[in-house]
Amino acid sequence: MERQCAGLYNALMLKKVCCAALVIAAAFALPAFAQSTIPTASAADRAEAWAIFKQIIEINTTDTPQGNVTTATAAMEKRFLDAGFSREDVKLIGPNPRKMDLVVHYRAAGTPDEKPVLFLCHMDVVQALRSDWHTDPFQFIVKDGYVYGRGTQDMKDGDAALVATFLRLHREGYKPKRDLILVLTADEEGGQYNGASWLVNEHRDLVDAAYVINPDAGGVELDHDKALVADVEATEKVYADYQLTTRDRGGHSSLPRPDNAIYELMAALNKLAGYSFPFELNEVTRTYFTNLAKREPEQTAADMRAILADPPDMAAAARLSKEPSFNSNFRTTCVATRLFGGDANNALPQMAQAIVNCRIFPGHSPEEIRQQLISLFGDPKLEVKYVSDAGGVFDTAPERKAIVPPPPIPEVFGPLTRITQAIWPGVPVTPIMENGASDSIYFAQAGIPSYGYSGIALELDDDRAHGQDERLPIDSYWKSLDFFYAFAKAVGDK
């Protein structure tokens, strides 16, 4: 009965997602704003923003013994205090000395009638090994029009641009009509002290807002410098990790057996590698592909229109699925990310283990996907357990809620579209489903609408977040700096 109720709940949640997304689709169908101009940063403003970017890239904020988020957030705290922000409005707080979050309030003139606007950024990054990179991942390397370093795409670019924006507005004496809040958090990428969750649950008064802008999602997609589409996160997949474990009696390596633990595990992973979860669309992804088809090459555009038909053309879906970014919009995806096993070079393994990471399409729960993995592997000796964000291992997974798309607030999407099209003329602005996961979920679940948009333009084939030689085009950083300055003033004046 409990499982039936959970399934009904998920179906209802998906219906709500689709209905809300229809409202978003209608809003994004409005004619494009007329091209306008926005102020660009001065040489002095750029120099400060560049120094901030360099400073935080060169601070290791990984969830490792070598990393320390507090070093970075404390450095930004000093910048705000040195600039004249009051101690009352700059708070460095957190549940762990090495995982302190920074909350900065930019106060309105007088008593505001509206709740604040909150800009949500995470300061932590995923691990990067020097041996895997061509440059030192924790050095700010400028080369051939790019900045290299861990976090240049995810998401110290946004951290730096917004810190610089708040400092510039303060220096200019800007007085908004409502408070603006900047939050720099720990452990979005993993760890036991997720800052967004902790702040929402323990210090709601500091982060209560009318809505959230999260630069950890969305942005402008480029194809050979041509802006194809500007993505705004309207919903996101659910993140889940699973631990696969096989066990065996082991033995001497001179007497190999085909059923040893590593071979059993590899058989399961080979099944996973050859499997695709069912094709799915919701109204957010329908709107995304409808808009994208207007600017894609002929065959790709035809395939996009074909998958939107009823029923969808599965041959077209298969062709589009060869592109990883399209494939991840069509279905739940799971991939092995870590392997462990064996105790000695000359002994059969007594245990082999893998971590499988899944990004779950809205409407499905982590427990539902765990059961599907068990069915796919078909091996009663293989354990499939859920790994929580804090690293705990459990026999069952949660029935986590999907993010229901919030309504398209005109005070957000009006200036967002106008400013985006001033920087990238004519680019369509469209809702997307975030294929990763972000801290927006904690605010959305607390009833605070959250929208993901980075103001960053990247080539489709140059997404290096979490990967080797992460880099950001210098021009993209300057444009994001101009975007956030104009956008912060636009929403602050509402």
Protein backbone atom coordinates (compact mmCIF):
# COMPACT_ATOMS: atom_id res chain seq x y z
CA MET A 1 0.00 0.00 0.00
CA GLU A 2 2.82 2.41 0.88
CA ARG A 3 4.49 1.82 -2.49
CA GLN A 4 1.18 2.33 -4.32
CA CYS A 5 0.67 5.62 -2.49
CA ALA A 6 4.20 6.72 -3.33
CA GLY A 7 3.61 5.93 -6.99
CA LEU A 8 0.37 7.92 -6.96
CA TYR A 9 2.17 10.83 -5.29
CA ASN A 10 4.88 10.82 -7.95
CA ALA A 11 2.27 10.79 -10.70
CA LEU A 12 0.52 13.77 -9.14
CA MET A 13 3.82 15.59 -8.72
CA LEU A 14 4.63 15.05 -12.40
CA LYS A 15 1.19 16.39 -13.34
CA LYS A 16 1.89 19.51 -11.28
CA VAL A 17 5.30 19.85 -12.94
CA CYS A 18 3.71 19.73 -16.39
CA CYS A 19 0.89 22.15 -15.55
CA ALA A 20 3.26 24.68 -14.03
CA ALA A 21 5.63 24.30 -16.95
CA LEU A 22 2.82 25.11 -19.38
CA VAL A 23 2.52 28.48 -17.68
CA ILE A 24 6.28 28.97 -18.09
CA ALA A 25 6.13 27.90 -21.73
CA ALA A 26 3.44 30.50 -22.42
CA ALA A 27 5.49 33.21 -20.75
CA PHE A 28 8.60 32.38 -22.76
CA ALA A 29 6.56 32.45 -25.97
CA LEU A 30 6.30 36.24 -25.70
CA PRO A 31 8.03 38.28 -28.45
CA ALA A 32 11.69 39.07 -27.85
CA PHE A 33 12.50 42.34 -26.14
CA ALA A 34 13.86 45.09 -28.30
CA GLN A 35 17.63 45.30 -28.20
CA SER A 36 18.96 47.75 -25.64
CA THR A 37 22.28 48.64 -24.13
CA ILE A 38 23.57 47.96 -20.65
CA PRO A 39 26.50 49.54 -18.82
CA THR A 40 29.82 47.74 -19.07
CA ALA A 41 32.31 47.50 -16.26
CA SER A 42 35.12 50.03 -16.14
CA ALA A 43 38.78 49.02 -16.20
CA ALA A 44 38.93 49.47 -12.41
CA ASP A 45 35.77 47.38 -11.90
CA ARG A 46 37.18 44.65 -14.13
CA ALA A 47 40.49 44.69 -12.28
CA GLU A 48 38.71 44.09 -8.97
CA ALA A 49 36.51 41.35 -10.42
CA TRP A 50 39.57 39.69 -11.97
CA ALA A 51 41.46 39.78 -8.65
CA ILE A 52 38.48 38.20 -6.85
CA PHE A 53 38.19 35.46 -9.47
CA LYS A 54 41.91 34.68 -9.22
CA GLN A 55 41.87 34.70 -5.43
CA ILE A 56 39.07 32.18 -5.02
CA ILE A 57 40.27 29.88 -7.83
CA GLU A 58 43.60 29.57 -6.02
CA ILE A 59 41.96 28.55 -2.72
CA ASN A 60 41.35 24.79 -2.58
CA THR A 61 37.72 24.38 -1.50
CA THR A 62 37.33 20.66 -2.14
CA ASP A 63 35.80 18.32 0.44
CA THR A 64 39.21 16.82 1.19
CA PRO A 65 41.80 17.23 3.96
CA GLN A 66 43.56 19.75 1.71
CA GLY A 67 40.42 21.78 1.05
CA ASN A 68 38.86 24.48 3.20
CA VAL A 69 35.75 26.43 2.19
CA THR A 70 36.11 28.80 5.15
CA THR A 71 39.42 30.09 3.79
CA ALA A 72 37.54 31.33 0.72
CA THR A 73 34.39 32.63 2.43
CA ALA A 74 36.50 34.40 5.09
CA ALA A 75 38.53 36.06 2.32
CA MET A 76 35.30 37.38 0.80
CA GLU A 77 34.08 38.44 4.25
CA LYS A 78 37.21 40.58 4.56
CA ARG A 79 36.58 42.22 1.21
CA PHE A 80 33.05 43.21 2.23
CA LEU A 81 34.10 44.52 5.62
CA ASP A 82 37.03 46.43 4.13
CA ALA A 83 34.61 47.99 1.63
CA GLY A 84 32.48 49.37 4.43
CA PHE A 85 29.68 46.83 4.79
CA SER A 86 28.52 46.68 8.40
CA ARG A 87 29.44 43.69 10.53
CA GLU A 88 25.72 43.14 11.13
CA ASP A 89 25.19 42.60 7.40
CA VAL A 90 28.16 40.27 6.80
CA LYS A 91 27.81 36.96 8.63
CA LEU A 92 30.27 34.07 8.45
CA ILE A 93 28.42 31.11 9.97
CA GLY A 94 28.29 27.36 9.64
CA PRO A 95 28.10 24.00 11.40
CA ASN A 96 31.79 23.19 10.89
CA PRO A 97 34.90 25.40 11.20
CA ARG A 98 36.10 24.41 7.72
CA LYS A 99 32.65 24.71 6.10
CA MET A 100 31.53 28.23 7.01
CA ASP A 101 28.95 29.96 4.80
CA LEU A 102 28.92 33.69 4.07
CA VAL A 103 25.64 35.65 4.05
CA VAL A 104 25.81 39.28 2.90
CA HIS A 105 22.83 41.64 3.11
CA TYR A 106 22.78 44.68 0.86
CA ARG A 107 20.25 46.90 2.60
CA ALA A 108 17.48 48.82 0.90
CA ALA A 109 16.92 52.53 1.40
CA GLY A 110 14.34 52.85 4.17
CA THR A 111 11.91 50.06 4.99
CA PRO A 112 11.28 47.88 1.93
CA ASP A 113 7.78 46.80 0.96
CA GLU A 114 9.00 43.60 -0.70
CA LYS A 115 10.98 40.63 0.56
CA PRO A 116 14.65 40.35 -0.51
CA VAL A 117 16.07 38.83 -3.66
CA LEU A 118 18.66 36.15 -2.86
CA PHE A 119 21.60 35.17 -5.07
CA LEU A 120 22.66 31.61 -4.19
CA CYS A 121 26.24 30.50 -4.93
CA HIS A 122 28.33 27.59 -3.70
CA MET A 123 32.02 28.09 -2.98
CA ASP A 124 33.11 24.43 -2.89
CA VAL A 125 34.44 22.54 -5.92
CA VAL A 126 34.98 18.89 -6.81
CA GLN A 127 38.38 17.31 -6.36
CA ALA A 128 40.99 17.79 -9.08
CA LEU A 129 44.36 16.01 -9.17
CA ARG A 130 47.44 17.74 -10.56
CA SER A 131 48.42 14.51 -12.30
CA ASP A 132 45.16 14.53 -14.29
CA TRP A 133 45.53 18.09 -15.58
CA HIS A 134 47.87 19.82 -17.98
CA THR A 135 48.01 22.77 -15.57
CA ASP A 136 47.76 23.08 -11.79
CA PRO A 137 43.99 23.01 -11.09
CA PHE A 138 44.40 25.38 -8.16
CA GLN A 139 46.35 28.00 -10.07
CA PHE A 140 44.69 30.75 -12.09
CA ILE A 141 46.19 30.13 -15.53
CA VAL A 142 45.44 32.54 -18.40
CA LYS A 143 46.06 31.05 -21.83
CA ASP A 144 44.71 31.56 -25.35
CA GLY A 145 41.70 33.59 -24.29
CA TYR A 146 40.69 31.24 -21.44
CA VAL A 147 41.14 31.05 -17.70
CA TYR A 148 42.02 27.55 -16.49
CA GLY A 149 41.41 26.27 -12.97
CA ARG A 150 39.07 24.16 -10.90
CA GLY A 151 35.83 26.07 -10.47
CA THR A 152 36.18 28.35 -13.49
CA GLN A 153 32.91 26.90 -14.82
CA ASP A 154 31.41 25.43 -11.64
CA MET A 155 30.94 27.93 -10.14
CA LYS A 156 33.58 30.33 -8.90
CA ASP A 157 32.96 32.43 -11.98
CA GLY A 158 29.49 33.25 -10.62
CA ASP A 159 30.83 33.64 -7.07
CA ALA A 160 33.39 36.20 -8.21
CA ALA A 161 31.03 38.10 -10.51
CA LEU A 162 28.43 38.52 -7.77
CA VAL A 163 30.93 39.47 -5.06
CA ALA A 164 32.31 42.07 -7.48
CA THR A 165 28.78 43.25 -8.32
CA PHE A 166 27.80 43.78 -4.67
CA LEU A 167 31.06 45.65 -4.02
CA ARG A 168 30.60 47.83 -7.11
CA LEU A 169 27.01 48.72 -6.21
CA HIS A 170 28.10 49.63 -2.68
CA ARG A 171 30.98 51.74 -3.97
CA GLU A 172 28.61 53.61 -6.28
CA GLY A 173 26.18 54.31 -3.44
CA TYR A 174 23.33 52.38 -5.04
CA LYS A 175 20.18 52.26 -2.88
CA PRO A 176 17.79 49.45 -3.88
CA LYS A 177 14.10 49.44 -3.04
CA ARG A 178 14.43 45.99 -1.49
CA ASP A 179 17.23 44.08 0.19
CA LEU A 180 19.61 41.98 -1.90
CA ILE A 181 21.25 38.93 -0.33
CA LEU A 182 24.37 37.10 -1.49
CA VAL A 183 25.02 33.64 -0.08
CA LEU A 184 28.27 31.69 -0.58
CA THR A 185 27.93 28.13 0.71
CA ALA A 186 29.81 24.89 1.38
CA ASP A 187 29.27 21.30 0.26
CA GLU A 188 26.99 21.69 -2.74
CA GLU A 189 29.26 19.22 -4.54
CA GLY A 190 29.09 16.74 -1.65
CA GLY A 191 29.99 16.46 2.00
CA GLN A 192 28.23 16.44 5.34
CA TYR A 193 27.60 20.18 5.73
CA ASN A 194 25.52 21.40 2.81
CA GLY A 195 25.32 25.12 3.42
CA ALA A 196 22.08 25.84 1.57
CA SER A 197 20.19 23.13 3.45
CA TRP A 198 21.69 24.21 6.79
CA LEU A 199 20.83 27.86 6.28
CA VAL A 200 17.25 27.15 5.22
CA ASN A 201 16.67 24.81 8.17
CA GLU A 202 18.66 26.58 10.89
CA HIS A 203 18.74 30.26 9.88
CA ARG A 204 15.69 30.82 7.72
CA ASP A 205 15.53 34.44 8.91
CA LEU A 206 18.87 35.19 7.23
CA VAL A 207 17.93 33.72 3.86
CA ASP A 208 14.19 34.25 3.63
CA ALA A 209 13.49 35.80 0.24
CA ALA A 210 10.84 36.48 -2.35
CA TYR A 211 12.77 34.31 -4.77
CA VAL A 212 16.23 32.90 -5.46
CA ILE A 213 18.53 33.39 -8.44
CA ASN A 214 21.00 30.51 -8.65
CA PRO A 215 23.91 31.00 -11.09
CA ASP A 216 24.78 27.30 -10.73
CA ALA A 217 22.43 26.52 -13.62
CA GLY A 218 21.34 27.87 -16.95
CA GLY A 219 23.27 30.11 -19.29
CA VAL A 220 23.83 30.73 -22.98
CA GLU A 221 24.63 27.87 -25.34
CA LEU A 222 27.08 28.73 -28.14
CA ASP A 223 27.86 26.96 -31.40
CA HIS A 224 31.07 28.44 -32.87
CA ASP A 225 30.43 31.73 -31.08
CA LYS A 226 26.80 31.86 -32.27
CA ALA A 227 24.32 32.12 -29.39
CA LEU A 228 21.71 29.38 -29.86
CA VAL A 229 19.58 29.66 -26.75
CA ALA A 230 19.64 31.10 -23.24
CA ASP A 231 18.60 28.43 -20.74
CA VAL A 232 16.80 29.20 -17.48
CA GLU A 233 16.43 26.33 -15.04
CA ALA A 234 12.73 25.67 -14.41
CA THR A 235 13.06 22.20 -12.91
CA GLU A 236 15.87 19.75 -12.24
CA LYS A 237 16.62 16.09 -12.03
CA VAL A 238 17.03 14.33 -8.69
CA TYR A 239 20.58 13.33 -7.74
CA ALA A 240 21.19 9.87 -6.28
CA ASP A 241 24.23 7.65 -5.61
CA TYR A 242 24.09 3.87 -5.26
CA GLN A 243 26.65 1.45 -3.88
CA LEU A 244 26.97 -1.86 -5.74
CA THR A 245 28.72 -4.64 -3.80
CA THR A 246 29.61 -8.23 -4.68
CA ARG A 247 31.27 -10.67 -2.26
CA ASP A 248 33.15 -13.93 -2.74
CA ARG A 249 35.20 -16.37 -0.68
CA GLY A 250 38.37 -15.26 -2.48
CA GLY A 251 41.30 -17.61 -2.90
CA HIS A 252 44.65 -17.99 -4.60
CA SER A 253 45.07 -16.08 -7.87
CA SER A 254 46.66 -19.15 -9.47
CA LEU A 255 43.21 -20.76 -9.41
CA PRO A 256 41.00 -18.14 -11.15
CA ARG A 257 37.21 -18.55 -11.24
CA PRO A 258 34.80 -16.77 -13.58
CA ASP A 259 32.47 -16.00 -10.66
CA ASN A 260 34.98 -13.96 -8.62
CA ALA A 261 33.70 -10.70 -7.13
CA ILE A 262 35.25 -8.33 -9.65
CA TYR A 263 33.94 -10.29 -12.64
CA GLU A 264 30.46 -10.37 -11.08
CA LEU A 265 30.58 -6.62 -10.56
CA MET A 266 31.85 -5.96 -14.08
CA ALA A 267 29.01 -8.05 -15.53
CA ALA A 268 26.53 -5.78 -13.78
CA LEU A 269 28.31 -2.60 -14.92
CA ASN A 270 28.41 -3.87 -18.51
CA LYS A 271 24.63 -4.31 -18.36
CA LEU A 272 24.30 -0.76 -17.09
CA ALA A 273 26.58 0.60 -19.83
CA GLY A 274 24.42 -1.03 -22.49
CA TYR A 275 21.10 0.09 -21.02
CA SER A 276 19.06 3.21 -21.67
CA PHE A 277 16.23 4.23 -19.40
CA PRO A 278 12.94 4.90 -21.21
CA PHE A 279 12.55 8.04 -23.33
CA GLU A 280 10.53 10.77 -21.60
CA LEU A 281 9.54 14.38 -22.12
CA ASN A 282 7.77 16.89 -19.90
CA GLU A 283 6.50 20.34 -20.74
CA VAL A 284 9.77 21.99 -19.73
CA THR A 285 11.84 19.83 -22.07
CA ARG A 286 9.18 20.09 -24.79
CA THR A 287 9.43 23.87 -24.68
CA TYR A 288 13.22 23.67 -24.68
CA PHE A 289 13.38 21.50 -27.82
CA THR A 290 10.65 23.51 -29.53
CA ASN A 291 12.73 26.66 -29.12
CA LEU A 292 16.05 24.98 -29.89
CA ALA A 293 14.70 23.49 -33.13
CA LYS A 294 14.30 27.01 -34.51
CA ARG A 295 18.07 27.52 -34.54
CA GLU A 296 19.51 24.03 -35.17
CA PRO A 297 20.77 22.61 -38.50
CA GLU A 298 18.09 21.12 -40.74
CA GLN A 299 18.42 17.43 -39.80
CA THR A 300 18.78 18.10 -36.08
CA ALA A 301 15.81 20.47 -36.14
CA ALA A 302 13.72 17.90 -38.02
CA ASP A 303 14.58 15.25 -35.42
CA MET A 304 13.62 17.63 -32.62
CA ARG A 305 10.23 18.27 -34.19
CA ALA A 306 9.80 14.53 -34.71
CA ILE A 307 10.30 13.68 -31.03
CA LEU A 308 7.66 16.27 -30.14
CA ALA A 309 5.06 14.46 -32.22
CA ASP A 310 2.43 12.18 -30.70
CA PRO A 311 3.69 9.49 -30.62
CA PRO A 312 7.34 10.58 -30.65
CA ASP A 313 9.60 9.30 -33.41
CA MET A 314 11.93 6.93 -31.57
CA ALA A 315 14.38 6.73 -34.48
CA ALA A 316 14.80 10.51 -34.21
CA ALA A 317 15.17 10.17 -30.46
CA ALA A 318 17.93 7.60 -30.97
CA ARG A 319 19.81 9.92 -33.33
CA LEU A 320 19.55 12.87 -30.95
CA SER A 321 20.54 10.68 -27.99
CA LYS A 322 24.03 10.29 -29.45
CA GLU A 323 24.64 13.83 -28.19
CA PRO A 324 25.08 13.49 -24.38
CA SER A 325 23.42 16.82 -23.58
CA PHE A 326 20.30 15.83 -25.53
CA ASN A 327 20.29 12.28 -24.18
CA SER A 328 20.30 13.52 -20.59
CA ASN A 329 17.18 15.59 -21.34
CA PHE A 330 15.32 12.48 -22.51
CA ARG A 331 15.68 10.08 -19.62
CA THR A 332 17.11 9.10 -16.27
CA THR A 333 20.84 8.46 -16.64
CA CYS A 334 23.12 6.31 -14.47
CA VAL A 335 26.86 5.83 -14.76
CA ALA A 336 29.57 4.12 -12.72
CA THR A 337 31.91 6.73 -11.25
CA ARG A 338 34.12 4.85 -8.74
CA LEU A 339 35.52 1.31 -8.37
CA PHE A 340 37.02 -0.54 -5.41
CA GLY A 341 38.04 -4.15 -4.85
CA GLY A 342 40.59 -6.73 -3.87
CA ASP A 343 43.16 -6.84 -1.07
CA ALA A 344 46.29 -8.16 -2.79
CA ASN A 345 47.77 -8.60 -6.26
CA ASN A 346 48.03 -12.36 -5.83
CA ALA A 347 44.60 -13.10 -4.34
CA LEU A 348 41.11 -13.39 -5.76
CA PRO A 349 38.99 -10.52 -4.48
CA GLN A 350 36.65 -11.18 -1.59
CA MET A 351 34.77 -7.96 -2.28
CA ALA A 352 34.28 -5.62 -5.22
CA GLN A 353 32.35 -2.39 -5.10
CA ALA A 354 31.27 0.43 -7.40
CA ILE A 355 29.48 3.72 -7.00
CA VAL A 356 26.81 4.42 -9.58
CA ASN A 357 25.61 7.99 -9.91
CA CYS A 358 22.11 8.63 -11.28
CA ARG A 359 20.35 11.81 -12.40
CA ILE A 360 16.68 10.96 -12.16
CA PHE A 361 14.01 12.37 -14.47
CA PRO A 362 11.29 14.29 -12.58
CA GLY A 363 8.44 12.07 -11.52
CA HIS A 364 10.64 9.16 -10.40
CA SER A 365 12.13 8.63 -6.97
CA PRO A 366 15.57 7.34 -5.94
CA GLU A 367 13.95 4.21 -4.50
CA GLU A 368 12.10 3.52 -7.76
CA ILE A 369 15.39 3.74 -9.67
CA ARG A 370 17.13 1.51 -7.10
CA GLN A 371 14.52 -1.15 -7.76
CA GLN A 372 14.97 -0.75 -11.51
CA LEU A 373 18.72 -1.26 -11.14
CA ILE A 374 18.16 -4.41 -9.10
CA SER A 375 15.86 -5.73 -11.84
CA LEU A 376 18.34 -4.80 -14.58
CA PHE A 377 21.27 -6.55 -12.90
CA GLY A 378 19.25 -9.67 -12.09
CA ASP A 379 21.88 -10.92 -9.66
CA PRO A 380 20.67 -11.86 -6.16
CA LYS A 381 24.29 -11.77 -4.90
CA LEU A 382 24.69 -8.13 -5.89
CA GLU A 383 23.76 -5.60 -3.21
CA VAL A 384 22.37 -2.26 -4.41
CA LYS A 385 22.25 0.29 -1.60
CA TYR A 386 21.56 4.03 -1.50
CA VAL A 387 24.32 6.48 -0.51
CA SER A 388 23.09 9.72 1.05
CA ASP A 389 24.61 13.14 0.38
CA ALA A 390 26.38 12.89 3.74
CA GLY A 391 27.88 9.50 2.82
CA GLY A 392 25.58 7.19 4.79
CA VAL A 393 24.73 3.85 3.17
CA PHE A 394 21.13 2.61 3.41
CA ASP A 395 19.15 -0.44 2.29
CA THR A 396 16.43 1.76 0.77
CA ALA A 397 16.38 5.16 -0.90
CA PRO A 398 14.08 8.13 -0.25
CA GLU A 399 11.01 9.11 -2.22
CA ARG A 400 12.42 12.58 -2.86
CA LYS A 401 10.21 15.27 -4.39
CA ALA A 402 10.85 16.73 -7.81
CA ILE A 403 11.02 20.50 -8.10
CA VAL A 404 7.72 21.86 -9.33
CA PRO A 405 8.49 24.71 -11.76
CA PRO A 406 7.69 28.06 -10.12
CA PRO A 407 5.58 30.61 -11.99
CA PRO A 408 7.52 32.91 -14.34
CA ILE A 409 7.60 36.08 -12.22
CA PRO A 410 7.62 39.06 -14.61
CA GLU A 411 10.02 41.02 -12.40
CA VAL A 412 12.54 38.21 -12.93
CA PHE A 413 12.01 37.25 -16.55
CA GLY A 414 11.39 40.74 -17.90
CA PRO A 415 14.85 42.09 -17.03
CA LEU A 416 16.50 38.70 -17.48
CA THR A 417 15.30 38.52 -21.08
CA ARG A 418 15.97 42.19 -21.81
CA ILE A 419 19.53 42.14 -20.43
CA THR A 420 20.37 38.77 -21.99
CA GLN A 421 19.25 39.96 -25.42
CA ALA A 422 21.20 43.19 -25.01
CA ILE A 423 24.37 41.13 -24.56
CA TRP A 424 23.48 38.33 -27.02
CA PRO A 425 21.08 39.99 -29.49
CA GLY A 426 18.09 37.92 -30.55
CA VAL A 427 18.90 34.82 -28.50
CA PRO A 428 15.71 33.03 -27.39
CA VAL A 429 15.26 32.57 -23.65
CA THR A 430 13.77 29.21 -22.75
CA PRO A 431 13.05 27.08 -19.68
CA ILE A 432 15.17 23.97 -19.21
CA MET A 433 15.36 20.95 -16.99
CA GLU A 434 18.70 21.02 -15.17
CA ASN A 435 20.32 17.65 -15.83
CA GLY A 436 22.62 17.88 -12.86
CA ALA A 437 21.43 19.00 -9.47
CA SER A 438 21.77 22.20 -7.53
CA ASP A 439 21.07 23.76 -4.15
CA SER A 440 17.88 25.29 -5.56
CA ILE A 441 16.07 22.20 -4.31
CA TYR A 442 16.39 23.24 -0.67
CA PHE A 443 14.85 26.64 -1.25
CA ALA A 444 12.18 25.27 -3.59
CA GLN A 445 11.15 22.69 -0.99
CA ALA A 446 10.93 25.52 1.56
CA GLY A 447 8.45 27.34 -0.68
CA ILE A 448 10.86 29.93 -2.11
CA PRO A 449 10.77 30.06 -5.93
CA SER A 450 14.18 29.40 -7.42
CA TYR A 451 15.44 30.16 -10.91
CA GLY A 452 18.77 29.00 -12.32
CA TYR A 453 20.68 31.36 -14.60
CA SER A 454 24.43 31.95 -14.81
CA GLY A 455 24.82 34.70 -17.39
CA ILE A 456 27.70 32.60 -18.77
CA ALA A 457 28.08 31.63 -22.43
CA LEU A 458 29.80 28.34 -23.26
CA GLU A 459 30.35 26.33 -26.40
CA LEU A 460 28.21 23.18 -26.50
CA ASP A 461 31.29 20.97 -26.80
CA ASP A 462 33.36 22.71 -24.11
CA ASP A 463 31.51 21.87 -20.90
CA ARG A 464 34.40 20.94 -18.59
CA ALA A 465 32.72 21.29 -15.20
CA HIS A 466 33.97 18.48 -12.91
CA GLY A 467 36.39 17.44 -15.63
CA GLN A 468 39.97 17.78 -16.79
CA ASP A 469 41.40 21.21 -17.61
CA GLU A 470 38.27 23.12 -16.61
CA ARG A 471 38.31 26.52 -18.27
CA LEU A 472 36.22 29.60 -18.97
CA PRO A 473 36.45 32.02 -21.91
CA ILE A 474 37.60 35.38 -20.58
CA ASP A 475 34.95 37.14 -22.67
CA SER A 476 32.24 35.04 -20.98
CA TYR A 477 33.39 36.22 -17.57
CA TRP A 478 33.22 39.89 -18.58
CA LYS A 479 29.74 39.45 -20.05
CA SER A 480 28.49 37.70 -16.91
CA LEU A 481 29.88 40.57 -14.85
CA ASP A 482 27.90 43.06 -16.95
CA PHE A 483 24.81 40.85 -16.79
CA PHE A 484 24.74 40.56 -13.00
CA TYR A 485 25.41 44.24 -12.44
CA ALA A 486 22.46 45.23 -14.64
CA PHE A 487 20.24 42.42 -13.38
CA ALA A 488 20.90 43.10 -9.67
CA LYS A 489 19.93 46.73 -10.16
CA ALA A 490 16.85 45.75 -12.16
CA VAL A 491 15.47 43.38 -9.52
CA GLY A 492 16.59 45.67 -6.70
CA ASP A 493 14.51 48.49 -8.14
CA LYS A 494 11.29 46.43 -8.21
